């Protein structure tokens, strides 16, 4: 006789793990925010990010972009680890065994639920060794004070570069080529081996 638990487990079709109503849990009285596994989450108010950007600009000037990019690298590494643990446990398979469509959908849902905007991947440049990631309504671009005519999503570039480095097992670099803060309709990031960018591959 087959246990009912086994039947329900085999017929289970995974849904959106990052659906906000089930993924985000909080207690307003205690000021706690957790995910569905009970891991602590941190909410970053827009005023905090604006103050961080302004403070870095005053303290280190033009080097603030590099500082933010390096912070994004650290953030992206830990973001990947959490994403990997959550999705592998939910789908009962490693990320490398997942269908590309399922992986991409999970990443898009995660990005949106975290409040970072909308994300898409373009693999049409894969033969040239590049992956193009596009984000819309970026939380990072909308909070960065625009002081030059250059893209400003250094944190986001660092997160993406680190995330896909961990995923691929190679040290990849990320360069932003368009930015909403400059009036573009999206933020576009090109990810690949640093050597493929030539001498023009900057911090983000």
N, C-alpha and C. Protein backbone atom coordinates (compact mmCIF):
# COMPACT_ATOMS: atom_id res chain seq x y z
N UNK A 1 0.84 -1.19 0.00
CA UNK A 1 0.00 0.00 0.00
C UNK A 1 0.88 1.25 0.00
N UNK A 2 0.55 2.23 -0.86
CA UNK A 2 1.34 3.45 -0.99
C UNK A 2 0.84 4.48 0.02
N UNK A 3 1.75 5.03 0.84
CA UNK A 3 1.32 6.06 1.81
C UNK A 3 0.77 7.29 1.10
N UNK A 4 -0.26 7.88 1.67
CA UNK A 4 -0.88 9.07 1.09
C UNK A 4 0.14 10.20 0.97
N UNK A 5 1.04 10.29 1.94
CA UNK A 5 2.06 11.36 1.91
C UNK A 5 2.90 11.27 0.66
N UNK A 6 3.24 10.01 0.23
CA UNK A 6 4.04 9.83 -0.99
C UNK A 6 3.28 10.26 -2.23
N UNK A 7 1.98 9.96 -2.26
CA UNK A 7 1.17 10.35 -3.42
C UNK A 7 1.08 11.85 -3.56
N UNK A 8 0.84 12.53 -2.47
CA UNK A 8 0.71 13.99 -2.53
C UNK A 8 2.04 14.64 -2.87
N UNK A 9 3.13 14.03 -2.42
CA UNK A 9 4.45 14.60 -2.71
C UNK A 9 4.77 14.45 -4.19
N UNK A 10 4.45 13.30 -4.78
CA UNK A 10 4.77 13.05 -6.18
C UNK A 10 3.90 13.89 -7.12
N UNK A 11 2.68 14.17 -6.71
CA UNK A 11 1.77 14.93 -7.57
C UNK A 11 1.88 16.43 -7.33
N UNK A 12 2.74 16.82 -6.41
CA UNK A 12 2.87 18.25 -6.09
C UNK A 12 3.55 19.00 -7.24
N UNK A 13 2.91 20.05 -7.70
CA UNK A 13 3.48 20.92 -8.74
C UNK A 13 3.93 22.21 -8.07
N UNK A 14 5.26 22.44 -8.02
CA UNK A 14 5.75 23.65 -7.33
C UNK A 14 5.20 24.92 -7.97
N UNK A 15 4.80 25.85 -7.14
CA UNK A 15 4.31 27.14 -7.62
C UNK A 15 5.40 28.19 -7.48
N UNK A 16 4.98 29.42 -7.28
CA UNK A 16 5.91 30.53 -7.12
C UNK A 16 6.40 30.57 -5.67
N UNK A 17 7.61 30.10 -5.45
CA UNK A 17 8.16 30.06 -4.10
C UNK A 17 8.25 31.46 -3.50
N UNK A 18 8.48 32.46 -4.36
CA UNK A 18 8.69 33.83 -3.89
C UNK A 18 7.42 34.69 -3.92
N UNK A 19 6.26 34.07 -4.00
CA UNK A 19 5.02 34.85 -3.95
C UNK A 19 5.03 35.68 -2.66
N UNK A 20 4.91 37.00 -2.76
CA UNK A 20 5.05 37.87 -1.58
C UNK A 20 4.19 37.49 -0.39
N UNK A 21 2.96 37.03 -0.65
CA UNK A 21 2.04 36.73 0.46
C UNK A 21 2.51 35.54 1.29
N UNK A 22 3.27 34.63 0.66
CA UNK A 22 3.74 33.46 1.41
C UNK A 22 5.22 33.54 1.75
N UNK A 23 5.97 34.34 0.98
CA UNK A 23 7.42 34.39 1.22
C UNK A 23 7.78 35.37 2.34
N UNK A 24 7.12 36.51 2.37
CA UNK A 24 7.44 37.54 3.36
C UNK A 24 6.54 37.42 4.58
N UNK A 25 7.18 37.36 5.74
CA UNK A 25 6.43 37.26 6.99
C UNK A 25 7.03 38.25 7.98
N UNK A 26 6.17 38.97 8.66
CA UNK A 26 6.69 39.96 9.59
C UNK A 26 5.80 40.17 10.79
N UNK A 27 6.40 40.71 11.82
CA UNK A 27 5.67 41.10 13.02
C UNK A 27 5.95 42.57 13.26
N UNK A 28 4.95 43.40 12.96
CA UNK A 28 5.13 44.84 13.06
C UNK A 28 5.48 45.26 14.48
N UNK A 29 4.85 44.60 15.47
CA UNK A 29 5.10 44.98 16.86
C UNK A 29 6.56 44.76 17.26
N UNK A 30 7.14 43.68 16.73
CA UNK A 30 8.52 43.33 17.07
C UNK A 30 9.53 43.93 16.09
N UNK A 31 9.03 44.44 14.96
CA UNK A 31 9.93 44.98 13.94
C UNK A 31 10.73 43.90 13.24
N UNK A 32 10.14 42.69 13.12
CA UNK A 32 10.83 41.56 12.50
C UNK A 32 10.30 41.31 11.10
N UNK A 33 11.21 40.94 10.20
CA UNK A 33 10.85 40.56 8.84
C UNK A 33 11.61 39.29 8.50
N UNK A 34 10.87 38.26 8.11
CA UNK A 34 11.48 36.96 7.82
C UNK A 34 10.93 36.41 6.50
N UNK A 35 11.67 35.44 5.93
CA UNK A 35 11.15 34.74 4.77
C UNK A 35 10.40 33.49 5.25
N UNK A 36 9.91 32.71 4.33
CA UNK A 36 9.07 31.57 4.69
C UNK A 36 9.84 30.47 5.41
N UNK A 37 11.18 30.49 5.34
CA UNK A 37 11.99 29.51 6.08
C UNK A 37 12.37 30.01 7.47
N UNK A 38 12.02 31.25 7.79
CA UNK A 38 12.36 31.80 9.09
C UNK A 38 13.67 32.56 9.11
N UNK A 39 14.31 32.74 7.94
CA UNK A 39 15.55 33.53 7.87
C UNK A 39 15.22 35.01 7.99
N UNK A 40 16.05 35.73 8.70
CA UNK A 40 15.82 37.16 8.89
C UNK A 40 16.07 37.93 7.60
N UNK A 41 15.24 38.91 7.34
CA UNK A 41 15.39 39.82 6.21
C UNK A 41 15.53 41.23 6.73
N UNK A 42 16.16 42.08 5.92
CA UNK A 42 16.36 43.47 6.30
C UNK A 42 15.71 44.37 5.27
N UNK A 43 14.83 45.23 5.70
CA UNK A 43 14.19 46.20 4.81
C UNK A 43 15.04 47.46 4.78
N UNK A 44 15.37 47.93 3.58
CA UNK A 44 16.18 49.14 3.43
C UNK A 44 15.29 50.28 2.95
N UNK A 45 14.99 51.25 3.80
CA UNK A 45 14.20 52.40 3.36
C UNK A 45 14.96 53.21 2.31
N UNK A 46 14.22 53.87 1.45
CA UNK A 46 14.87 54.67 0.41
C UNK A 46 15.76 55.75 1.01
N UNK A 47 15.35 56.31 2.15
CA UNK A 47 16.17 57.36 2.78
C UNK A 47 17.51 56.82 3.24
N UNK A 48 17.55 55.53 3.64
CA UNK A 48 18.82 54.93 4.05
C UNK A 48 19.78 54.85 2.88
N UNK A 49 19.28 54.35 1.74
CA UNK A 49 20.15 54.23 0.57
C UNK A 49 20.60 55.60 0.07
N UNK A 50 19.68 56.55 0.07
CA UNK A 50 20.04 57.90 -0.37
C UNK A 50 21.12 58.48 0.52
N UNK A 51 20.99 58.26 1.83
CA UNK A 51 22.01 58.73 2.77
C UNK A 51 23.34 58.01 2.59
N UNK A 52 23.27 56.70 2.31
CA UNK A 52 24.49 55.93 2.07
C UNK A 52 25.23 56.45 0.86
N UNK A 53 24.51 56.67 -0.23
CA UNK A 53 25.13 57.17 -1.45
C UNK A 53 25.75 58.56 -1.22
N UNK A 54 24.98 59.42 -0.57
CA UNK A 54 25.47 60.79 -0.34
C UNK A 54 26.69 60.79 0.59
N UNK A 55 26.64 59.95 1.64
CA UNK A 55 27.76 59.88 2.57
C UNK A 55 29.03 59.36 1.91
N UNK A 56 28.88 58.33 1.08
CA UNK A 56 30.04 57.79 0.37
C UNK A 56 30.62 58.83 -0.59
N UNK A 57 29.73 59.56 -1.25
CA UNK A 57 30.20 60.57 -2.20
C UNK A 57 31.02 61.64 -1.49
N UNK A 58 30.59 62.03 -0.29
CA UNK A 58 31.34 63.04 0.47
C UNK A 58 32.67 62.48 0.99
N UNK A 59 32.66 61.21 1.40
CA UNK A 59 33.85 60.63 2.03
C UNK A 59 34.92 60.20 1.03
N UNK A 60 34.50 59.57 -0.06
CA UNK A 60 35.49 58.99 -0.98
C UNK A 60 35.38 59.54 -2.40
N UNK A 61 34.40 60.42 -2.65
CA UNK A 61 34.29 61.06 -3.96
C UNK A 61 34.05 60.07 -5.09
N UNK A 62 34.89 60.16 -6.12
CA UNK A 62 34.71 59.32 -7.31
C UNK A 62 34.90 57.84 -7.03
N UNK A 63 35.55 57.51 -5.93
CA UNK A 63 35.76 56.09 -5.59
C UNK A 63 34.50 55.45 -5.01
N UNK A 64 33.43 56.23 -4.81
CA UNK A 64 32.21 55.67 -4.22
C UNK A 64 31.62 54.56 -5.09
N UNK A 65 31.75 54.70 -6.41
CA UNK A 65 31.25 53.67 -7.30
C UNK A 65 31.96 52.35 -7.10
N UNK A 66 33.28 52.39 -6.94
CA UNK A 66 34.05 51.18 -6.71
C UNK A 66 33.70 50.55 -5.36
N UNK A 67 33.51 51.38 -4.34
CA UNK A 67 33.12 50.88 -3.02
C UNK A 67 31.77 50.17 -3.11
N UNK A 68 30.80 50.79 -3.78
CA UNK A 68 29.48 50.19 -3.91
C UNK A 68 29.53 48.91 -4.74
N UNK A 69 30.34 48.90 -5.78
CA UNK A 69 30.47 47.71 -6.62
C UNK A 69 31.02 46.55 -5.80
N UNK A 70 32.06 46.82 -4.98
CA UNK A 70 32.64 45.77 -4.15
C UNK A 70 31.66 45.29 -3.08
N UNK A 71 30.85 46.21 -2.54
CA UNK A 71 29.80 45.81 -1.60
C UNK A 71 28.80 44.90 -2.31
N UNK A 72 28.48 45.23 -3.57
CA UNK A 72 27.58 44.40 -4.35
C UNK A 72 28.14 43.01 -4.59
N UNK A 73 29.45 42.90 -4.78
CA UNK A 73 30.07 41.59 -4.98
C UNK A 73 29.86 40.71 -3.74
N UNK A 74 30.07 41.30 -2.56
CA UNK A 74 29.88 40.55 -1.31
C UNK A 74 28.41 40.18 -1.14
N UNK A 75 27.54 41.15 -1.40
CA UNK A 75 26.10 40.95 -1.27
C UNK A 75 25.63 39.86 -2.23
N UNK A 76 26.10 39.92 -3.48
CA UNK A 76 25.69 38.95 -4.49
C UNK A 76 26.09 37.53 -4.15
N UNK A 77 27.26 37.38 -3.55
CA UNK A 77 27.73 36.05 -3.16
C UNK A 77 26.79 35.43 -2.14
N UNK A 78 26.38 36.21 -1.15
CA UNK A 78 25.48 35.69 -0.11
C UNK A 78 24.05 35.56 -0.63
N UNK A 79 23.66 36.45 -1.53
CA UNK A 79 22.35 36.35 -2.17
C UNK A 79 22.25 35.04 -2.95
N UNK A 80 23.30 34.70 -3.69
CA UNK A 80 23.30 33.45 -4.45
C UNK A 80 23.16 32.25 -3.53
N UNK A 81 23.90 32.26 -2.43
CA UNK A 81 23.86 31.12 -1.50
C UNK A 81 22.43 30.93 -0.96
N UNK A 82 21.78 32.01 -0.58
CA UNK A 82 20.40 31.89 -0.07
C UNK A 82 19.47 31.42 -1.17
N UNK A 83 19.59 32.01 -2.36
CA UNK A 83 18.74 31.63 -3.49
C UNK A 83 18.93 30.15 -3.81
N UNK A 84 20.17 29.70 -3.86
CA UNK A 84 20.48 28.29 -4.15
C UNK A 84 19.86 27.36 -3.11
N UNK A 85 20.03 27.69 -1.84
CA UNK A 85 19.48 26.85 -0.78
C UNK A 85 17.96 26.76 -0.86
N UNK A 86 17.33 27.92 -1.06
CA UNK A 86 15.87 27.96 -1.07
C UNK A 86 15.30 27.21 -2.27
N UNK A 87 15.83 27.48 -3.45
CA UNK A 87 15.27 26.88 -4.66
C UNK A 87 15.61 25.40 -4.76
N UNK A 88 16.83 25.01 -4.39
CA UNK A 88 17.20 23.59 -4.43
C UNK A 88 16.33 22.78 -3.48
N UNK A 89 16.06 23.33 -2.32
CA UNK A 89 15.21 22.64 -1.34
C UNK A 89 13.77 22.57 -1.83
N UNK A 90 13.29 23.64 -2.45
CA UNK A 90 11.90 23.69 -2.89
C UNK A 90 11.64 22.74 -4.06
N UNK A 91 12.56 22.74 -5.05
CA UNK A 91 12.38 21.89 -6.23
C UNK A 91 13.00 20.51 -6.07
N UNK A 92 13.71 20.31 -4.96
CA UNK A 92 14.38 19.03 -4.70
C UNK A 92 15.36 18.66 -5.82
N UNK A 93 16.12 19.66 -6.26
CA UNK A 93 17.17 19.43 -7.26
C UNK A 93 18.12 20.61 -7.22
N UNK A 94 19.35 20.39 -7.70
CA UNK A 94 20.32 21.46 -7.73
C UNK A 94 19.98 22.45 -8.84
N UNK A 95 20.53 23.67 -8.74
CA UNK A 95 20.28 24.68 -9.76
C UNK A 95 20.75 24.21 -11.13
N UNK A 96 21.86 23.48 -11.17
CA UNK A 96 22.41 23.03 -12.45
C UNK A 96 21.51 22.00 -13.13
N UNK A 97 20.65 21.32 -12.36
CA UNK A 97 19.74 20.32 -12.93
C UNK A 97 18.39 20.91 -13.32
N UNK A 98 18.15 22.16 -12.97
CA UNK A 98 16.88 22.79 -13.27
C UNK A 98 16.79 23.18 -14.74
N UNK A 99 15.57 23.18 -15.25
CA UNK A 99 15.34 23.72 -16.59
C UNK A 99 15.60 25.22 -16.55
N UNK A 100 16.13 25.75 -17.64
CA UNK A 100 16.47 27.16 -17.70
C UNK A 100 15.24 28.02 -17.45
N UNK A 101 14.10 27.62 -17.97
CA UNK A 101 12.88 28.41 -17.81
C UNK A 101 12.47 28.48 -16.34
N UNK A 102 12.60 27.36 -15.61
CA UNK A 102 12.25 27.35 -14.19
C UNK A 102 13.22 28.19 -13.37
N UNK A 103 14.52 28.08 -13.70
CA UNK A 103 15.52 28.88 -13.00
C UNK A 103 15.27 30.37 -13.21
N UNK A 104 15.06 30.76 -14.45
CA UNK A 104 14.85 32.17 -14.77
C UNK A 104 13.59 32.71 -14.10
N UNK A 105 12.53 31.92 -14.11
CA UNK A 105 11.28 32.36 -13.49
C UNK A 105 11.47 32.56 -11.99
N UNK A 106 12.20 31.64 -11.35
CA UNK A 106 12.44 31.76 -9.91
C UNK A 106 13.26 33.01 -9.61
N UNK A 107 14.29 33.27 -10.42
CA UNK A 107 15.13 34.45 -10.21
C UNK A 107 14.32 35.73 -10.41
N UNK A 108 13.49 35.77 -11.43
CA UNK A 108 12.66 36.95 -11.68
C UNK A 108 11.69 37.21 -10.53
N UNK A 109 11.06 36.13 -10.04
CA UNK A 109 10.14 36.28 -8.92
C UNK A 109 10.87 36.76 -7.67
N UNK A 110 12.05 36.20 -7.43
CA UNK A 110 12.85 36.59 -6.27
C UNK A 110 13.23 38.06 -6.35
N UNK A 111 13.73 38.49 -7.49
CA UNK A 111 14.17 39.87 -7.70
C UNK A 111 13.02 40.84 -7.44
N UNK A 112 11.85 40.49 -7.94
CA UNK A 112 10.68 41.35 -7.78
C UNK A 112 10.19 41.38 -6.33
N UNK A 113 10.14 40.22 -5.69
CA UNK A 113 9.66 40.16 -4.31
C UNK A 113 10.58 40.90 -3.36
N UNK A 114 11.87 40.91 -3.65
CA UNK A 114 12.82 41.66 -2.83
C UNK A 114 12.70 43.17 -3.04
N UNK A 115 11.87 43.58 -4.00
CA UNK A 115 11.64 45.01 -4.23
C UNK A 115 12.69 45.66 -5.11
N UNK A 116 13.42 44.86 -5.89
CA UNK A 116 14.51 45.40 -6.71
C UNK A 116 14.08 45.75 -8.12
N UNK A 117 12.82 45.50 -8.48
CA UNK A 117 12.34 45.82 -9.82
C UNK A 117 12.07 44.56 -10.63
N UNK A 118 12.11 44.69 -11.94
CA UNK A 118 11.86 43.57 -12.85
C UNK A 118 13.17 43.21 -13.55
N UNK A 119 13.40 41.91 -13.77
CA UNK A 119 14.66 41.44 -14.36
C UNK A 119 14.38 40.50 -15.52
N UNK A 120 15.17 40.64 -16.60
CA UNK A 120 15.11 39.71 -17.74
C UNK A 120 16.53 39.33 -18.15
N UNK A 121 16.67 38.16 -18.78
CA UNK A 121 17.96 37.69 -19.27
C UNK A 121 17.91 37.54 -20.79
N UNK A 122 19.00 37.93 -21.44
CA UNK A 122 19.14 37.80 -22.88
C UNK A 122 20.37 36.95 -23.14
N UNK A 123 20.16 35.74 -23.68
CA UNK A 123 21.27 34.82 -23.94
C UNK A 123 21.72 34.81 -25.40
N UNK A 124 21.25 35.77 -26.18
CA UNK A 124 21.56 35.77 -27.61
C UNK A 124 23.03 36.07 -27.90
N UNK A 125 23.78 36.56 -26.90
CA UNK A 125 25.21 36.83 -27.10
C UNK A 125 26.08 35.76 -26.44
N UNK A 126 25.48 34.61 -26.15
CA UNK A 126 26.19 33.56 -25.43
C UNK A 126 27.40 33.04 -26.20
N UNK A 127 27.29 32.95 -27.53
CA UNK A 127 28.41 32.45 -28.33
C UNK A 127 29.61 33.39 -28.27
N UNK A 128 29.35 34.67 -28.03
CA UNK A 128 30.44 35.65 -27.88
C UNK A 128 30.96 35.69 -26.44
N UNK A 129 30.33 34.90 -25.55
CA UNK A 129 30.79 34.83 -24.17
C UNK A 129 30.16 35.86 -23.24
N UNK A 130 28.99 36.40 -23.63
CA UNK A 130 28.35 37.42 -22.81
C UNK A 130 26.91 37.04 -22.48
N UNK A 131 26.47 37.47 -21.32
CA UNK A 131 25.08 37.38 -20.91
C UNK A 131 24.62 38.81 -20.64
N UNK A 132 23.45 39.17 -21.15
CA UNK A 132 22.91 40.51 -20.96
C UNK A 132 21.72 40.43 -20.00
N UNK A 133 21.81 41.17 -18.92
CA UNK A 133 20.73 41.22 -17.93
C UNK A 133 20.12 42.62 -17.97
N UNK A 134 18.82 42.68 -18.03
CA UNK A 134 18.11 43.96 -18.06
C UNK A 134 17.20 44.06 -16.86
N UNK A 135 17.24 45.21 -16.19
CA UNK A 135 16.33 45.45 -15.07
C UNK A 135 15.51 46.69 -15.35
N UNK A 136 14.30 46.70 -14.82
CA UNK A 136 13.37 47.81 -15.00
C UNK A 136 12.88 48.28 -13.62
N UNK A 137 12.61 49.57 -13.51
CA UNK A 137 12.14 50.14 -12.24
C UNK A 137 13.06 49.76 -11.10
N UNK A 138 14.36 49.90 -11.35
CA UNK A 138 15.35 49.47 -10.37
C UNK A 138 15.31 50.32 -9.10
N UNK A 139 15.27 49.64 -7.99
CA UNK A 139 15.34 50.32 -6.70
C UNK A 139 16.67 51.05 -6.55
N UNK A 140 17.72 50.50 -7.13
CA UNK A 140 19.06 51.08 -7.00
C UNK A 140 19.22 52.33 -7.86
N UNK A 141 18.69 52.30 -9.08
CA UNK A 141 18.81 53.46 -9.97
C UNK A 141 17.96 54.62 -9.48
N UNK A 142 16.80 54.32 -8.94
CA UNK A 142 15.88 55.38 -8.52
C UNK A 142 16.31 56.06 -7.23
N UNK A 143 17.25 55.48 -6.50
CA UNK A 143 17.68 56.06 -5.23
C UNK A 143 19.07 56.69 -5.32
N UNK A 144 19.75 56.49 -6.44
CA UNK A 144 21.11 57.01 -6.59
C UNK A 144 21.08 58.45 -7.06
N UNK A 145 21.69 59.39 -6.33
CA UNK A 145 21.74 60.78 -6.81
C UNK A 145 22.58 60.88 -8.08
N UNK A 146 22.01 61.47 -9.10
CA UNK A 146 22.72 61.55 -10.38
C UNK A 146 23.64 62.76 -10.40
N UNK A 147 24.94 62.50 -10.42
CA UNK A 147 25.91 63.59 -10.39
C UNK A 147 26.78 63.61 -11.64
N UNK A 148 26.57 62.68 -12.56
CA UNK A 148 27.38 62.63 -13.78
C UNK A 148 26.54 62.06 -14.90
N UNK A 149 27.15 61.89 -16.06
CA UNK A 149 26.42 61.32 -17.20
C UNK A 149 26.76 59.85 -17.37
N UNK A 150 27.12 59.18 -16.26
CA UNK A 150 27.48 57.76 -16.29
C UNK A 150 26.43 56.93 -15.57
N UNK A 151 26.30 55.64 -15.94
CA UNK A 151 25.40 54.75 -15.19
C UNK A 151 25.78 54.70 -13.72
N UNK A 152 24.80 54.49 -12.85
CA UNK A 152 25.07 54.61 -11.41
C UNK A 152 24.72 53.36 -10.59
N UNK A 153 24.27 52.29 -11.23
CA UNK A 153 23.83 51.11 -10.46
C UNK A 153 25.01 50.21 -10.09
N UNK A 154 25.96 50.77 -9.35
CA UNK A 154 27.15 50.01 -9.00
C UNK A 154 26.83 48.82 -8.09
N UNK A 155 25.94 49.04 -7.12
CA UNK A 155 25.55 47.93 -6.24
C UNK A 155 24.92 46.80 -7.04
N UNK A 156 24.01 47.14 -7.91
CA UNK A 156 23.31 46.15 -8.72
C UNK A 156 24.27 45.40 -9.63
N UNK A 157 25.23 46.13 -10.23
CA UNK A 157 26.22 45.50 -11.09
C UNK A 157 27.07 44.50 -10.30
N UNK A 158 27.45 44.88 -9.08
CA UNK A 158 28.23 43.98 -8.25
C UNK A 158 27.45 42.73 -7.88
N UNK A 159 26.18 42.91 -7.51
CA UNK A 159 25.33 41.76 -7.16
C UNK A 159 25.21 40.80 -8.33
N UNK A 160 24.93 41.33 -9.52
CA UNK A 160 24.76 40.49 -10.70
C UNK A 160 26.05 39.78 -11.08
N UNK A 161 27.16 40.52 -11.06
CA UNK A 161 28.44 39.90 -11.40
C UNK A 161 28.79 38.77 -10.46
N UNK A 162 28.59 38.98 -9.18
CA UNK A 162 28.90 37.96 -8.19
C UNK A 162 27.94 36.78 -8.28
N UNK A 163 26.65 37.06 -8.46
CA UNK A 163 25.65 35.99 -8.55
C UNK A 163 25.97 35.03 -9.69
N UNK A 164 26.24 35.57 -10.87
CA UNK A 164 26.50 34.70 -12.02
C UNK A 164 27.90 34.10 -11.98
N UNK A 165 28.82 34.71 -11.26
CA UNK A 165 30.12 34.09 -11.03
C UNK A 165 29.95 32.82 -10.20
N UNK A 166 29.16 32.93 -9.12
CA UNK A 166 28.90 31.77 -8.28
C UNK A 166 28.16 30.69 -9.05
N UNK A 167 27.21 31.09 -9.88
CA UNK A 167 26.41 30.13 -10.65
C UNK A 167 27.27 29.39 -11.67
N UNK A 168 28.16 30.11 -12.34
CA UNK A 168 28.96 29.51 -13.41
C UNK A 168 30.25 28.86 -12.92
N UNK A 169 30.70 29.22 -11.72
CA UNK A 169 31.97 28.70 -11.22
C UNK A 169 33.16 29.41 -11.84
N UNK A 170 32.92 30.54 -12.50
CA UNK A 170 33.99 31.34 -13.10
C UNK A 170 33.90 32.77 -12.56
N UNK A 171 35.03 33.45 -12.53
CA UNK A 171 35.03 34.83 -12.07
C UNK A 171 34.61 35.74 -13.22
N UNK A 172 33.40 36.22 -13.15
CA UNK A 172 32.83 37.06 -14.21
C UNK A 172 32.80 38.52 -13.77
N UNK A 173 32.76 39.38 -14.75
CA UNK A 173 32.69 40.82 -14.50
C UNK A 173 31.38 41.35 -15.07
N UNK A 174 30.89 42.44 -14.53
CA UNK A 174 29.62 43.02 -14.97
C UNK A 174 29.81 44.50 -15.26
N UNK A 175 29.38 44.94 -16.42
CA UNK A 175 29.47 46.34 -16.82
C UNK A 175 28.08 46.84 -17.20
N UNK A 176 27.68 47.98 -16.63
CA UNK A 176 26.39 48.57 -16.95
C UNK A 176 26.53 49.45 -18.19
N UNK A 177 25.59 49.29 -19.15
CA UNK A 177 25.68 50.05 -20.40
C UNK A 177 24.54 51.04 -20.59
N UNK A 178 23.46 50.90 -19.84
CA UNK A 178 22.38 51.90 -19.88
C UNK A 178 21.77 52.00 -18.49
N UNK A 179 21.19 53.17 -18.18
CA UNK A 179 20.72 53.40 -16.82
C UNK A 179 19.46 54.26 -16.82
N UNK A 180 18.50 53.88 -16.01
CA UNK A 180 17.26 54.64 -15.90
C UNK A 180 17.50 56.05 -15.35
N UNK A 181 18.55 56.19 -14.55
CA UNK A 181 18.84 57.52 -13.99
C UNK A 181 19.29 58.50 -15.07
N UNK A 182 19.66 57.99 -16.25
CA UNK A 182 20.07 58.84 -17.36
C UNK A 182 18.96 59.00 -18.39
N UNK A 183 17.77 58.53 -18.04
CA UNK A 183 16.63 58.65 -18.95
C UNK A 183 16.38 57.44 -19.81
N UNK A 184 17.20 56.37 -19.67
CA UNK A 184 16.98 55.15 -20.45
C UNK A 184 15.73 54.44 -19.95
N UNK A 185 15.16 53.59 -20.80
CA UNK A 185 13.95 52.86 -20.40
C UNK A 185 14.26 51.64 -19.55
N UNK A 186 15.56 51.33 -19.38
CA UNK A 186 15.95 50.17 -18.58
C UNK A 186 17.40 50.31 -18.15
N UNK A 187 17.80 49.40 -17.28
CA UNK A 187 19.21 49.29 -16.90
C UNK A 187 19.74 48.02 -17.53
N UNK A 188 20.78 48.15 -18.35
CA UNK A 188 21.31 46.99 -19.07
C UNK A 188 22.71 46.68 -18.56
N UNK A 189 22.94 45.40 -18.27
CA UNK A 189 24.23 44.94 -17.74
C UNK A 189 24.77 43.83 -18.63
N UNK A 190 26.04 43.92 -18.96
CA UNK A 190 26.71 42.89 -19.75
C UNK A 190 27.64 42.13 -18.82
N UNK A 191 27.52 40.80 -18.80
CA UNK A 191 28.29 39.96 -17.90
C UNK A 191 29.14 38.99 -18.71
N UNK A 192 30.42 38.89 -18.36
CA UNK A 192 31.33 37.98 -19.05
C UNK A 192 32.68 37.97 -18.36
N UNK A 193 33.61 37.21 -18.92
CA UNK A 193 34.96 37.19 -18.39
C UNK A 193 35.57 38.58 -18.55
N UNK A 194 36.31 39.04 -17.54
CA UNK A 194 36.88 40.37 -17.58
C UNK A 194 37.77 40.57 -18.82
N UNK A 195 38.48 39.54 -19.23
CA UNK A 195 39.39 39.65 -20.37
C UNK A 195 38.66 39.98 -21.67
N UNK A 196 37.38 39.64 -21.73
CA UNK A 196 36.61 39.89 -22.95
C UNK A 196 36.18 41.35 -23.08
N UNK A 197 36.26 42.10 -21.98
CA UNK A 197 35.88 43.51 -22.02
C UNK A 197 37.03 44.40 -22.50
N UNK A 198 38.22 43.86 -22.57
CA UNK A 198 39.38 44.68 -22.96
C UNK A 198 39.72 45.68 -21.87
N UNK A 199 40.37 46.76 -22.24
CA UNK A 199 40.80 47.77 -21.28
C UNK A 199 39.67 48.65 -20.81
N UNK A 200 38.50 48.55 -21.45
CA UNK A 200 37.37 49.44 -21.10
C UNK A 200 36.47 48.89 -20.02
N UNK A 201 36.76 47.71 -19.49
CA UNK A 201 35.91 47.12 -18.48
C UNK A 201 36.08 47.79 -17.13
N UNK A 202 35.16 48.68 -16.78
CA UNK A 202 35.28 49.45 -15.55
C UNK A 202 34.68 48.72 -14.37
N UNK A 203 34.44 49.48 -13.31
CA UNK A 203 33.94 48.89 -12.07
C UNK A 203 32.49 48.52 -12.14
N UNK A 204 31.79 49.04 -13.07
CA UNK A 204 30.38 48.68 -13.11
C UNK A 204 29.70 49.36 -14.20
